[in-house]
């Protein structure tokens, strides 16, 4: 039989804390300034810091602390459409957006007291949101009916009422002082769906509330994109440099084709010299009903989300 070979394992000797090397290291550490020594934080200190997060004085964009800023960078917002702030009254306008969601966005891109503009104000979701978070606001709306609804909501909810200019945004934007706006938040009228009857089913073949957005005749997609480009081209001068603009837009399925309107609008606005696309936030509205338009023959998606395109004005 072969004898097992002995394996020698080197076992490290215990550190000699009294050796000259270690003693010298301790002496150097003792003479370090107190502000240079590593601080060991207790669980209580960590908990206290979480409960009382610090605001960075270098933050020139908003009033959020670090934790709030981090939370606001989520690319998907799951927020059910609340039925507050005279929802039934505002629902006469099919394209309205929840003021609470508008308020959340306004807090991310402005500080208290700054000015928000909605050039396509509708029933004033942006303006109502601004009032709830102590910002100033101004709107532009083509239809006087929606301005009256907005004013009614302000009176019923005892909210500050901001001025809404009546008329064409392309004309009235030129009357607003250059670089006087801190943030633009708006919801564009959708192409075609605003004026055309739905054709997916008998139940759905009724005029959409979105047809009340404006009284314009049917547009081709190219005409619609051109109109949007004109509005945002005229919005650029009133926005401060390095300030942001957020635009709500939903995609649509019409006929037998899905139309990626958000991507097409993003490209159209990005072609305007001075606007740089920074983000595409998805708003997931879980309160939306699911539909079975194509069942059982073809797949047709139920749209329960919208895009919020975020741009920044960056002029050299």
C-alpha atoms as a PDB file:
ATOM      1  CA  UNK A   1       0.000   0.000   0.000  1.00  0.00           C
ATOM      2  CA  UNK A   2       1.095   3.497  -0.760  1.00  0.00           C
ATOM      3  CA  UNK A   3       1.719   5.664   2.215  1.00  0.00           C
ATOM      4  CA  UNK A   4      -0.300   8.857   2.378  1.00  0.00           C
ATOM      5  CA  UNK A   5       1.873  11.864   1.830  1.00  0.00           C
ATOM      6  CA  UNK A   6       1.801  14.476   4.516  1.00  0.00           C
ATOM      7  CA  UNK A   7       0.573  17.827   3.365  1.00  0.00           C
ATOM      8  CA  UNK A   8       2.058  20.811   5.092  1.00  0.00           C
ATOM      9  CA  UNK A   9      -0.442  23.629   5.550  1.00  0.00           C
ATOM     10  CA  UNK A  10       0.938  27.020   6.414  1.00  0.00           C
ATOM     11  CA  UNK A  11      -1.112  28.449   9.246  1.00  0.00           C
ATOM     12  CA  UNK A  12      -0.781  32.245   9.553  1.00  0.00           C
ATOM     13  CA  UNK A  13       0.514  33.402  12.869  1.00  0.00           C
ATOM     14  CA  UNK A  14      -1.783  35.635  14.917  1.00  0.00           C
ATOM     15  CA  UNK A  15      -1.168  39.320  14.497  1.00  0.00           C
ATOM     16  CA  UNK A  16       1.090  40.814  17.047  1.00  0.00           C
ATOM     17  CA  UNK A  17      -0.737  43.976  18.068  1.00  0.00           C
ATOM     18  CA  UNK A  18       2.315  45.024  20.055  1.00  0.00           C
ATOM     19  CA  UNK A  19       4.616  44.862  17.040  1.00  0.00           C
ATOM     20  CA  UNK A  20       6.305  48.123  16.051  1.00  0.00           C
ATOM     21  CA  UNK A  21       4.376  48.221  12.742  1.00  0.00           C
ATOM     22  CA  UNK A  22       0.910  47.996  14.337  1.00  0.00           C
ATOM     23  CA  UNK A  23       1.836  50.316  17.134  1.00  0.00           C
ATOM     24  CA  UNK A  24       2.989  52.923  14.622  1.00  0.00           C
ATOM     25  CA  UNK A  25      -0.326  52.553  12.707  1.00  0.00           C
ATOM     26  CA  UNK A  26      -2.356  53.128  15.874  1.00  0.00           C
ATOM     27  CA  UNK A  27      -0.321  56.171  16.791  1.00  0.00           C
ATOM     28  CA  UNK A  28      -0.876  57.731  13.352  1.00  0.00           C
ATOM     29  CA  UNK A  29      -4.657  57.104  13.570  1.00  0.00           C
ATOM     30  CA  UNK A  30      -4.797  58.703  17.019  1.00  0.00           C
ATOM     31  CA  UNK A  31      -3.308  61.901  15.673  1.00  0.00           C
ATOM     32  CA  UNK A  32      -5.787  62.175  12.750  1.00  0.00           C
ATOM     33  CA  UNK A  33      -8.212  65.124  12.955  1.00  0.00           C
ATOM     34  CA  UNK A  34     -11.632  64.091  14.223  1.00  0.00           C
ATOM     35  CA  UNK A  35     -13.283  65.069  10.931  1.00  0.00           C
ATOM     36  CA  UNK A  36     -10.996  62.653   9.043  1.00  0.00           C
ATOM     37  CA  UNK A  37     -11.736  59.617  11.157  1.00  0.00           C
ATOM     38  CA  UNK A  38     -14.342  57.181   9.818  1.00  0.00           C
ATOM     39  CA  UNK A  39     -17.682  57.571  11.593  1.00  0.00           C
ATOM     40  CA  UNK A  40     -19.715  54.531  12.524  1.00  0.00           C
ATOM     41  CA  UNK A  41     -23.444  55.287  12.201  1.00  0.00           C
ATOM     42  CA  UNK A  42     -25.882  53.663  14.557  1.00  0.00           C
ATOM     43  CA  UNK A  43     -29.230  52.229  13.487  1.00  0.00           C
ATOM     44  CA  UNK A  44     -30.895  55.199  15.151  1.00  0.00           C
ATOM     45  CA  UNK A  45     -28.805  57.624  13.072  1.00  0.00           C
ATOM     46  CA  UNK A  46     -29.718  55.793   9.847  1.00  0.00           C
ATOM     47  CA  UNK A  47     -33.411  55.755  10.769  1.00  0.00           C
ATOM     48  CA  UNK A  48     -33.323  59.447  11.684  1.00  0.00           C
ATOM     49  CA  UNK A  49     -31.718  60.298   8.353  1.00  0.00           C
ATOM     50  CA  UNK A  50     -34.378  58.375   6.438  1.00  0.00           C
ATOM     51  CA  UNK A  51     -37.168  60.130   8.320  1.00  0.00           C
ATOM     52  CA  UNK A  52     -35.564  63.552   7.879  1.00  0.00           C
ATOM     53  CA  UNK A  53     -33.846  63.498   4.467  1.00  0.00           C
ATOM     54  CA  UNK A  54     -31.690  66.467   3.620  1.00  0.00           C
ATOM     55  CA  UNK A  55     -32.365  68.899   0.793  1.00  0.00           C
ATOM     56  CA  UNK A  56     -29.368  69.605  -1.413  1.00  0.00           C
ATOM     57  CA  UNK A  57     -28.882  73.359  -1.769  1.00  0.00           C
ATOM     58  CA  UNK A  58     -27.469  72.759  -5.260  1.00  0.00           C
ATOM     59  CA  UNK A  59     -30.898  71.582  -6.470  1.00  0.00           C
ATOM     60  CA  UNK A  60     -32.112  74.346  -8.774  1.00  0.00           C
ATOM     61  CA  UNK A  61     -34.854  72.293 -10.445  1.00  0.00           C
ATOM     62  CA  UNK A  62     -37.367  71.491  -7.700  1.00  0.00           C
ATOM     63  CA  UNK A  63     -38.014  71.298  -3.955  1.00  0.00           C
ATOM     64  CA  UNK A  64     -37.499  67.523  -3.673  1.00  0.00           C
ATOM     65  CA  UNK A  65     -35.034  65.894  -1.315  1.00  0.00           C
ATOM     66  CA  UNK A  66     -32.826  63.031  -2.463  1.00  0.00           C
ATOM     67  CA  UNK A  67     -35.303  60.256  -1.663  1.00  0.00           C
ATOM     68  CA  UNK A  68     -38.177  62.090  -3.370  1.00  0.00           C
ATOM     69  CA  UNK A  69     -36.005  62.830  -6.396  1.00  0.00           C
ATOM     70  CA  UNK A  70     -35.060  59.154  -6.676  1.00  0.00           C
ATOM     71  CA  UNK A  71     -38.718  58.086  -6.523  1.00  0.00           C
ATOM     72  CA  UNK A  72     -39.669  60.622  -9.198  1.00  0.00           C
ATOM     73  CA  UNK A  73     -37.288  59.075 -11.740  1.00  0.00           C
ATOM     74  CA  UNK A  74     -39.467  55.986 -12.218  1.00  0.00           C
ATOM     75  CA  UNK A  75     -40.250  55.511 -15.906  1.00  0.00           C
ATOM     76  CA  UNK A  76     -43.672  53.995 -15.173  1.00  0.00           C
ATOM     77  CA  UNK A  77     -46.375  55.708 -13.108  1.00  0.00           C
ATOM     78  CA  UNK A  78     -49.187  53.458 -11.888  1.00  0.00           C
ATOM     79  CA  UNK A  79     -51.876  55.881 -10.834  1.00  0.00           C
ATOM     80  CA  UNK A  80     -55.607  55.219 -10.923  1.00  0.00           C
ATOM     81  CA  UNK A  81     -57.670  58.120 -12.230  1.00  0.00           C
ATOM     82  CA  UNK A  82     -59.284  59.613  -9.099  1.00  0.00           C
ATOM     83  CA  UNK A  83     -62.829  60.948  -9.264  1.00  0.00           C
ATOM     84  CA  UNK A  84     -62.120  64.046  -7.179  1.00  0.00           C
ATOM     85  CA  UNK A  85     -62.127  67.751  -8.034  1.00  0.00           C
ATOM     86  CA  UNK A  86     -65.540  67.753  -9.732  1.00  0.00           C
ATOM     87  CA  UNK A  87     -64.633  64.836 -11.966  1.00  0.00           C
ATOM     88  CA  UNK A  88     -68.152  64.524 -13.385  1.00  0.00           C
ATOM     89  CA  UNK A  89     -68.189  68.181 -14.375  1.00  0.00           C
ATOM     90  CA  UNK A  90     -64.738  67.989 -15.967  1.00  0.00           C
ATOM     91  CA  UNK A  91     -65.622  64.738 -17.768  1.00  0.00           C
ATOM     92  CA  UNK A  92     -67.656  66.703 -20.301  1.00  0.00           C
ATOM     93  CA  UNK A  93     -64.230  67.163 -21.890  1.00  0.00           C
ATOM     94  CA  UNK A  94     -63.063  63.736 -23.057  1.00  0.00           C
ATOM     95  CA  UNK A  95     -59.358  64.542 -22.996  1.00  0.00           C
ATOM     96  CA  UNK A  96     -58.970  65.790 -19.444  1.00  0.00           C
ATOM     97  CA  UNK A  97     -56.096  64.581 -17.270  1.00  0.00           C
ATOM     98  CA  UNK A  98     -56.173  64.038 -13.476  1.00  0.00           C
ATOM     99  CA  UNK A  99     -55.052  67.199 -11.648  1.00  0.00           C
ATOM    100  CA  UNK A 100     -53.305  65.083  -8.996  1.00  0.00           C
ATOM    101  CA  UNK A 101     -51.077  63.487 -11.639  1.00  0.00           C
ATOM    102  CA  UNK A 102     -50.412  66.925 -13.116  1.00  0.00           C
ATOM    103  CA  UNK A 103     -49.481  68.162  -9.626  1.00  0.00           C
ATOM    104  CA  UNK A 104     -46.998  65.290  -9.207  1.00  0.00           C
ATOM    105  CA  UNK A 105     -45.293  66.189 -12.484  1.00  0.00           C
ATOM    106  CA  UNK A 106     -45.265  69.894 -11.654  1.00  0.00           C
ATOM    107  CA  UNK A 107     -43.488  69.159  -8.345  1.00  0.00           C
ATOM    108  CA  UNK A 108     -40.747  67.307 -10.213  1.00  0.00           C
ATOM    109  CA  UNK A 109     -39.998  70.098 -12.682  1.00  0.00           C
ATOM    110  CA  UNK A 110     -40.598  73.305 -10.692  1.00  0.00           C
ATOM    111  CA  UNK A 111     -40.149  75.025  -7.362  1.00  0.00           C
ATOM    112  CA  UNK A 112     -42.908  76.713  -5.350  1.00  0.00           C
ATOM    113  CA  UNK A 113     -43.998  80.001  -6.862  1.00  0.00           C
ATOM    114  CA  UNK A 114     -42.742  79.231 -10.368  1.00  0.00           C
ATOM    115  CA  UNK A 115     -44.946  79.517 -13.463  1.00  0.00           C
ATOM    116  CA  UNK A 116     -46.485  76.628 -15.420  1.00  0.00           C
ATOM    117  CA  UNK A 117     -48.040  76.993 -18.895  1.00  0.00           C
ATOM    118  CA  UNK A 118     -50.605  74.803 -20.637  1.00  0.00           C
ATOM    119  CA  UNK A 119     -51.088  76.021 -24.236  1.00  0.00           C
ATOM    120  CA  UNK A 120     -53.922  73.481 -24.771  1.00  0.00           C
ATOM    121  CA  UNK A 121     -55.595  73.884 -21.405  1.00  0.00           C
ATOM    122  CA  UNK A 122     -58.956  72.168 -21.911  1.00  0.00           C
ATOM    123  CA  UNK A 123     -60.765  72.085 -18.555  1.00  0.00           C
ATOM    124  CA  UNK A 124     -57.603  73.046 -16.715  1.00  0.00           C
ATOM    125  CA  UNK A 125     -56.095  69.849 -15.280  1.00  0.00           C
ATOM    126  CA  UNK A 126     -52.642  71.413 -15.366  1.00  0.00           C
ATOM    127  CA  UNK A 127     -53.860  74.630 -13.752  1.00  0.00           C
ATOM    128  CA  UNK A 128     -55.753  72.791 -11.013  1.00  0.00           C
ATOM    129  CA  UNK A 129     -52.640  70.739 -10.311  1.00  0.00           C
ATOM    130  CA  UNK A 130     -50.518  73.873 -10.098  1.00  0.00           C
ATOM    131  CA  UNK A 131     -52.905  75.430  -7.573  1.00  0.00           C
ATOM    132  CA  UNK A 132     -52.671  72.347  -5.352  1.00  0.00           C
ATOM    133  CA  UNK A 133     -48.870  72.585  -5.103  1.00  0.00           C
ATOM    134  CA  UNK A 134     -48.499  76.368  -4.739  1.00  0.00           C
ATOM    135  CA  UNK A 135     -47.333  77.202  -8.254  1.00  0.00           C
ATOM    136  CA  UNK A 136     -48.520  79.935 -10.586  1.00  0.00           C
ATOM    137  CA  UNK A 137     -50.050  79.027 -13.946  1.00  0.00           C
ATOM    138  CA  UNK A 138     -51.458  80.307 -17.205  1.00  0.00           C
ATOM    139  CA  UNK A 139     -53.518  78.506 -19.834  1.00  0.00           C
ATOM    140  CA  UNK A 140     -54.608  78.951 -23.437  1.00  0.00           C
ATOM    141  CA  UNK A 141     -57.847  77.396 -24.704  1.00  0.00           C
ATOM    142  CA  UNK A 142     -59.699  77.624 -28.016  1.00  0.00           C
ATOM    143  CA  UNK A 143     -63.146  76.760 -26.629  1.00  0.00           C
ATOM    144  CA  UNK A 144     -64.790  79.136 -24.147  1.00  0.00           C
ATOM    145  CA  UNK A 145     -66.971  76.310 -22.798  1.00  0.00           C
ATOM    146  CA  UNK A 146     -63.970  74.558 -21.269  1.00  0.00           C
ATOM    147  CA  UNK A 147     -62.729  77.769 -19.693  1.00  0.00           C
ATOM    148  CA  UNK A 148     -66.124  78.165 -18.016  1.00  0.00           C
ATOM    149  CA  UNK A 149     -65.957  74.587 -16.714  1.00  0.00           C
ATOM    150  CA  UNK A 150     -62.491  75.265 -15.287  1.00  0.00           C
ATOM    151  CA  UNK A 151     -63.726  78.417 -13.563  1.00  0.00           C
ATOM    152  CA  UNK A 152     -66.683  76.488 -12.080  1.00  0.00           C
ATOM    153  CA  UNK A 153     -64.375  73.832 -10.662  1.00  0.00           C
ATOM    154  CA  UNK A 154     -62.158  76.479  -9.049  1.00  0.00           C
ATOM    155  CA  UNK A 155     -65.187  78.100  -7.408  1.00  0.00           C
ATOM    156  CA  UNK A 156     -66.626  74.794  -6.174  1.00  0.00           C
ATOM    157  CA  UNK A 157     -63.272  73.540  -4.855  1.00  0.00           C
ATOM    158  CA  UNK A 158     -62.160  76.915  -3.489  1.00  0.00           C
ATOM    159  CA  UNK A 159     -58.940  76.765  -5.515  1.00  0.00           C
ATOM    160  CA  UNK A 160     -56.922  79.671  -6.842  1.00  0.00           C
ATOM    161  CA  UNK A 161     -58.095  80.539 -10.347  1.00  0.00           C
ATOM    162  CA  UNK A 162     -55.461  81.290 -12.945  1.00  0.00           C
ATOM    163  CA  UNK A 163     -55.929  83.245 -16.197  1.00  0.00           C
ATOM    164  CA  UNK A 164     -56.885  81.258 -19.290  1.00  0.00           C
ATOM    165  CA  UNK A 165     -56.499  83.095 -22.587  1.00  0.00           C
ATOM    166  CA  UNK A 166     -59.247  82.409 -25.113  1.00  0.00           C
ATOM    167  CA  UNK A 167     -58.078  81.834 -28.670  1.00  0.00           C
ATOM    168  CA  UNK A 168     -55.574  80.108 -30.928  1.00  0.00           C
ATOM    169  CA  UNK A 169     -52.403  79.014 -29.130  1.00  0.00           C
ATOM    170  CA  UNK A 170     -50.252  79.818 -32.169  1.00  0.00           C
ATOM    171  CA  UNK A 171     -51.329  83.463 -31.924  1.00  0.00           C
ATOM    172  CA  UNK A 172     -51.559  83.893 -28.147  1.00  0.00           C
ATOM    173  CA  UNK A 173     -48.203  82.246 -27.380  1.00  0.00           C
ATOM    174  CA  UNK A 174     -46.553  85.184 -29.125  1.00  0.00           C
ATOM    175  CA  UNK A 175     -48.122  87.531 -26.557  1.00  0.00           C
ATOM    176  CA  UNK A 176     -46.456  85.787 -23.596  1.00  0.00           C
ATOM    177  CA  UNK A 177     -43.150  87.258 -22.456  1.00  0.00           C
ATOM    178  CA  UNK A 178     -40.043  85.499 -23.743  1.00  0.00           C
ATOM    179  CA  UNK A 179     -38.450  83.058 -21.263  1.00  0.00           C
ATOM    180  CA  UNK A 180     -41.065  83.754 -18.577  1.00  0.00           C
ATOM    181  CA  UNK A 181     -42.285  80.153 -18.171  1.00  0.00           C
ATOM    182  CA  UNK A 182     -40.625  77.587 -15.879  1.00  0.00           C
ATOM    183  CA  UNK A 183     -42.451  74.470 -17.104  1.00  0.00           C
ATOM    184  CA  UNK A 184     -44.895  73.524 -19.870  1.00  0.00           C
ATOM    185  CA  UNK A 185     -47.357  70.697 -19.222  1.00  0.00           C
ATOM    186  CA  UNK A 186     -50.037  69.912 -21.781  1.00  0.00           C
ATOM    187  CA  UNK A 187     -52.186  67.228 -23.367  1.00  0.00           C
ATOM    188  CA  UNK A 188     -52.441  67.310 -27.152  1.00  0.00           C
ATOM    189  CA  UNK A 189     -55.644  66.592 -29.092  1.00  0.00           C
ATOM    190  CA  UNK A 190     -55.344  63.183 -30.711  1.00  0.00           C
ATOM    191  CA  UNK A 191     -55.258  62.773 -34.455  1.00  0.00           C
ATOM    192  CA  UNK A 192     -58.446  61.494 -36.207  1.00  0.00           C
ATOM    193  CA  UNK A 193     -59.960  59.864 -33.106  1.00  0.00           C
ATOM    194  CA  UNK A 194     -61.144  63.311 -32.067  1.00  0.00           C
ATOM    195  CA  UNK A 195     -63.498  63.660 -35.018  1.00  0.00           C
ATOM    196  CA  UNK A 196     -64.165  60.154 -36.360  1.00  0.00           C
ATOM    197  CA  UNK A 197     -66.738  57.649 -35.126  1.00  0.00           C
ATOM    198  CA  UNK A 198     -65.330  54.483 -33.630  1.00  0.00           C
ATOM    199  CA  UNK A 199     -65.936  51.499 -35.875  1.00  0.00           C
ATOM    200  CA  UNK A 200     -64.898  48.504 -33.779  1.00  0.00           C
ATOM    201  CA  UNK A 201     -68.420  47.507 -32.704  1.00  0.00           C
ATOM    202  CA  UNK A 202     -71.995  48.743 -32.675  1.00  0.00           C
ATOM    203  CA  UNK A 203     -71.685  49.640 -29.014  1.00  0.00           C
ATOM    204  CA  UNK A 204     -68.502  51.572 -29.697  1.00  0.00           C
ATOM    205  CA  UNK A 205     -69.723  53.378 -32.808  1.00  0.00           C
ATOM    206  CA  UNK A 206     -70.545  56.621 -31.113  1.00  0.00           C
ATOM    207  CA  UNK A 207     -68.854  59.979 -31.196  1.00  0.00           C
ATOM    208  CA  UNK A 208     -65.941  60.110 -28.798  1.00  0.00           C
ATOM    209  CA  UNK A 209     -65.942  62.812 -26.152  1.00  0.00           C
ATOM    210  CA  UNK A 210     -62.575  63.702 -27.610  1.00  0.00           C
ATOM    211  CA  UNK A 211     -64.406  65.172 -30.588  1.00  0.00           C
ATOM    212  CA  UNK A 212     -65.163  68.100 -28.312  1.00  0.00           C
ATOM    213  CA  UNK A 213     -61.467  69.002 -28.156  1.00  0.00           C
ATOM    214  CA  UNK A 214     -61.902  71.352 -31.101  1.00  0.00           C
ATOM    215  CA  UNK A 215     -64.170  72.073 -34.040  1.00  0.00           C
ATOM    216  CA  UNK A 216     -61.623  71.443 -36.757  1.00  0.00           C
ATOM    217  CA  UNK A 217     -62.307  69.269 -39.773  1.00  0.00           C
ATOM    218  CA  UNK A 218     -60.761  65.865 -40.343  1.00  0.00           C
ATOM    219  CA  UNK A 219     -56.974  65.939 -40.652  1.00  0.00           C
ATOM    220  CA  UNK A 220     -54.436  63.629 -42.177  1.00  0.00           C
ATOM    221  CA  UNK A 221     -51.743  62.461 -39.797  1.00  0.00           C
ATOM    222  CA  UNK A 222     -49.219  64.696 -41.561  1.00  0.00           C
ATOM    223  CA  UNK A 223     -51.485  67.728 -41.102  1.00  0.00           C
ATOM    224  CA  UNK A 224     -51.969  66.878 -37.437  1.00  0.00           C
ATOM    225  CA  UNK A 225     -48.225  66.537 -36.826  1.00  0.00           C
ATOM    226  CA  UNK A 226     -47.597  69.818 -38.645  1.00  0.00           C
ATOM    227  CA  UNK A 227     -50.155  71.585 -36.426  1.00  0.00           C
ATOM    228  CA  UNK A 228     -48.493  70.144 -33.298  1.00  0.00           C
ATOM    229  CA  UNK A 229     -45.078  71.240 -34.546  1.00  0.00           C
ATOM    230  CA  UNK A 230     -46.335  74.806 -35.031  1.00  0.00           C
ATOM    231  CA  UNK A 231     -47.726  74.963 -31.496  1.00  0.00           C
ATOM    232  CA  UNK A 232     -44.544  73.659 -29.880  1.00  0.00           C
ATOM    233  CA  UNK A 233     -42.322  75.798 -32.081  1.00  0.00           C
ATOM    234  CA  UNK A 234     -44.209  78.830 -30.758  1.00  0.00           C
ATOM    235  CA  UNK A 235     -43.972  77.449 -27.208  1.00  0.00           C
ATOM    236  CA  UNK A 236     -40.176  77.286 -27.277  1.00  0.00           C
ATOM    237  CA  UNK A 237     -39.439  81.045 -26.934  1.00  0.00           C
ATOM    238  CA  UNK A 238     -41.601  81.510 -23.805  1.00  0.00           C
ATOM    239  CA  UNK A 239     -39.895  78.648 -21.937  1.00  0.00           C
ATOM    240  CA  UNK A 240     -36.766  79.437 -19.941  1.00  0.00           C
ATOM    241  CA  UNK A 241     -33.547  77.881 -21.157  1.00  0.00           C
ATOM    242  CA  UNK A 242     -32.800  74.501 -19.510  1.00  0.00           C
ATOM    243  CA  UNK A 243     -36.450  74.270 -18.375  1.00  0.00           C
ATOM    244  CA  UNK A 244     -38.655  71.275 -19.187  1.00  0.00           C
ATOM    245  CA  UNK A 245     -41.827  70.502 -21.134  1.00  0.00           C
ATOM    246  CA  UNK A 246     -44.005  67.397 -20.632  1.00  0.00           C
ATOM    247  CA  UNK A 247     -46.624  66.294 -23.179  1.00  0.00           C
ATOM    248  CA  UNK A 248     -49.363  63.687 -22.676  1.00  0.00           C
ATOM    249  CA  UNK A 249     -50.037  61.571 -25.756  1.00  0.00           C
ATOM    250  CA  UNK A 250     -51.735  58.219 -26.280  1.00  0.00           C
ATOM    251  CA  UNK A 251     -51.254  55.737 -29.090  1.00  0.00           C
ATOM    252  CA  UNK A 252     -54.279  54.436 -30.988  1.00  0.00           C
ATOM    253  CA  UNK A 253     -55.594  51.498 -32.981  1.00  0.00           C
ATOM    254  CA  UNK A 254     -57.766  52.445 -35.926  1.00  0.00           C
ATOM    255  CA  UNK A 255     -59.031  50.355 -38.775  1.00  0.00           C
ATOM    256  CA  UNK A 256     -56.616  47.430 -38.867  1.00  0.00           C
ATOM    257  CA  UNK A 257     -53.495  49.271 -37.815  1.00  0.00           C
ATOM    258  CA  UNK A 258     -51.769  50.387 -34.620  1.00  0.00           C
ATOM    259  CA  UNK A 259     -50.588  54.006 -34.774  1.00  0.00           C
ATOM    260  CA  UNK A 260     -47.532  54.779 -32.658  1.00  0.00           C
ATOM    261  CA  UNK A 261     -48.502  58.435 -32.236  1.00  0.00           C
ATOM    262  CA  UNK A 262     -46.242  58.970 -29.241  1.00  0.00           C
ATOM    263  CA  UNK A 263     -43.155  58.039 -31.252  1.00  0.00           C
ATOM    264  CA  UNK A 264     -44.203  60.174 -34.199  1.00  0.00           C
ATOM    265  CA  UNK A 265     -44.932  63.178 -31.995  1.00  0.00           C
ATOM    266  CA  UNK A 266     -41.640  62.701 -30.129  1.00  0.00           C
ATOM    267  CA  UNK A 267     -39.776  62.779 -33.438  1.00  0.00           C
ATOM    268  CA  UNK A 268     -41.729  65.846 -34.616  1.00  0.00           C
ATOM    269  CA  UNK A 269     -40.972  67.876 -31.473  1.00  0.00           C
ATOM    270  CA  UNK A 270     -37.346  66.699 -31.417  1.00  0.00           C
ATOM    271  CA  UNK A 271     -36.947  68.161 -34.907  1.00  0.00           C
ATOM    272  CA  UNK A 272     -37.580  71.625 -33.409  1.00  0.00           C
ATOM    273  CA  UNK A 273     -34.172  73.183 -32.783  1.00  0.00           C
ATOM    274  CA  UNK A 274     -33.917  73.688 -29.013  1.00  0.00           C
ATOM    275  CA  UNK A 275     -36.061  70.810 -27.751  1.00  0.00           C
ATOM    276  CA  UNK A 276     -34.212  67.681 -26.650  1.00  0.00           C
ATOM    277  CA  UNK A 277     -36.129  64.517 -25.746  1.00  0.00           C
ATOM    278  CA  UNK A 278     -35.189  63.446 -22.219  1.00  0.00           C
ATOM    279  CA  UNK A 279     -37.673  60.753 -21.217  1.00  0.00           C
ATOM    280  CA  UNK A 280     -40.788  58.785 -22.078  1.00  0.00           C
ATOM    281  CA  UNK A 281     -42.778  58.183 -18.893  1.00  0.00           C
ATOM    282  CA  UNK A 282     -45.563  55.613 -19.094  1.00  0.00           C
ATOM    283  CA  UNK A 283     -48.734  56.442 -17.184  1.00  0.00           C
ATOM    284  CA  UNK A 284     -50.529  53.181 -16.407  1.00  0.00           C
ATOM    285  CA  UNK A 285     -54.172  53.797 -15.476  1.00  0.00           C
ATOM    286  CA  UNK A 286     -55.397  50.551 -13.920  1.00  0.00           C
ATOM    287  CA  UNK A 287     -58.940  51.915 -13.626  1.00  0.00           C
ATOM    288  CA  UNK A 288     -59.333  51.719 -17.412  1.00  0.00           C
ATOM    289  CA  UNK A 289     -61.747  49.049 -18.650  1.00  0.00           C
ATOM    290  CA  UNK A 290     -60.464  46.242 -20.852  1.00  0.00           C
ATOM    291  CA  UNK A 291     -62.212  45.687 -24.199  1.00  0.00           C
ATOM    292  CA  UNK A 292     -62.636  42.685 -26.485  1.00  0.00           C
ATOM    293  CA  UNK A 293     -63.028  44.477 -29.796  1.00  0.00           C
ATOM    294  CA  UNK A 294     -61.336  41.780 -31.904  1.00  0.00           C
ATOM    295  CA  UNK A 295     -62.612  38.697 -30.103  1.00  0.00           C
ATOM    296  CA  UNK A 296     -62.604  35.936 -31.271  1.00  0.00           C
ATOM    297  CA  UNK A 297     -60.988  36.727 -34.614  1.00  0.00           C
ATOM    298  CA  UNK A 298     -58.121  39.192 -34.129  1.00  0.00           C
ATOM    299  CA  UNK A 299     -55.947  40.648 -31.419  1.00  0.00           C
ATOM    300  CA  UNK A 300     -56.648  44.307 -30.671  1.00  0.00           C
ATOM    301  CA  UNK A 301     -54.969  45.888 -27.617  1.00  0.00           C
ATOM    302  CA  UNK A 302     -56.829  47.597 -24.797  1.00  0.00           C
ATOM    303  CA  UNK A 303     -55.121  50.949 -24.259  1.00  0.00           C
ATOM    304  CA  UNK A 304     -54.668  51.365 -20.508  1.00  0.00           C
ATOM    305  CA  UNK A 305     -51.583  53.545 -20.695  1.00  0.00           C
ATOM    306  CA  UNK A 306     -50.448  56.871 -22.073  1.00  0.00           C
ATOM    307  CA  UNK A 307     -47.063  58.392 -22.737  1.00  0.00           C
ATOM    308  CA  UNK A 308     -45.688  61.503 -21.070  1.00  0.00           C
ATOM    309  CA  UNK A 309     -42.947  62.814 -23.342  1.00  0.00           C
ATOM    310  CA  UNK A 310     -40.411  64.923 -21.472  1.00  0.00           C
ATOM    311  CA  UNK A 311     -38.301  67.485 -23.336  1.00  0.00           C
ATOM    312  CA  UNK A 312     -35.749  70.023 -22.191  1.00  0.00           C
ATOM    313  CA  UNK A 313     -35.033  73.353 -23.813  1.00  0.00           C
ATOM    314  CA  UNK A 314     -31.318  73.436 -24.483  1.00  0.00           C
ATOM    315  CA  UNK A 315     -30.092  76.369 -26.519  1.00  0.00           C
ATOM    316  CA  UNK A 316     -26.376  76.977 -26.913  1.00  0.00           C
END
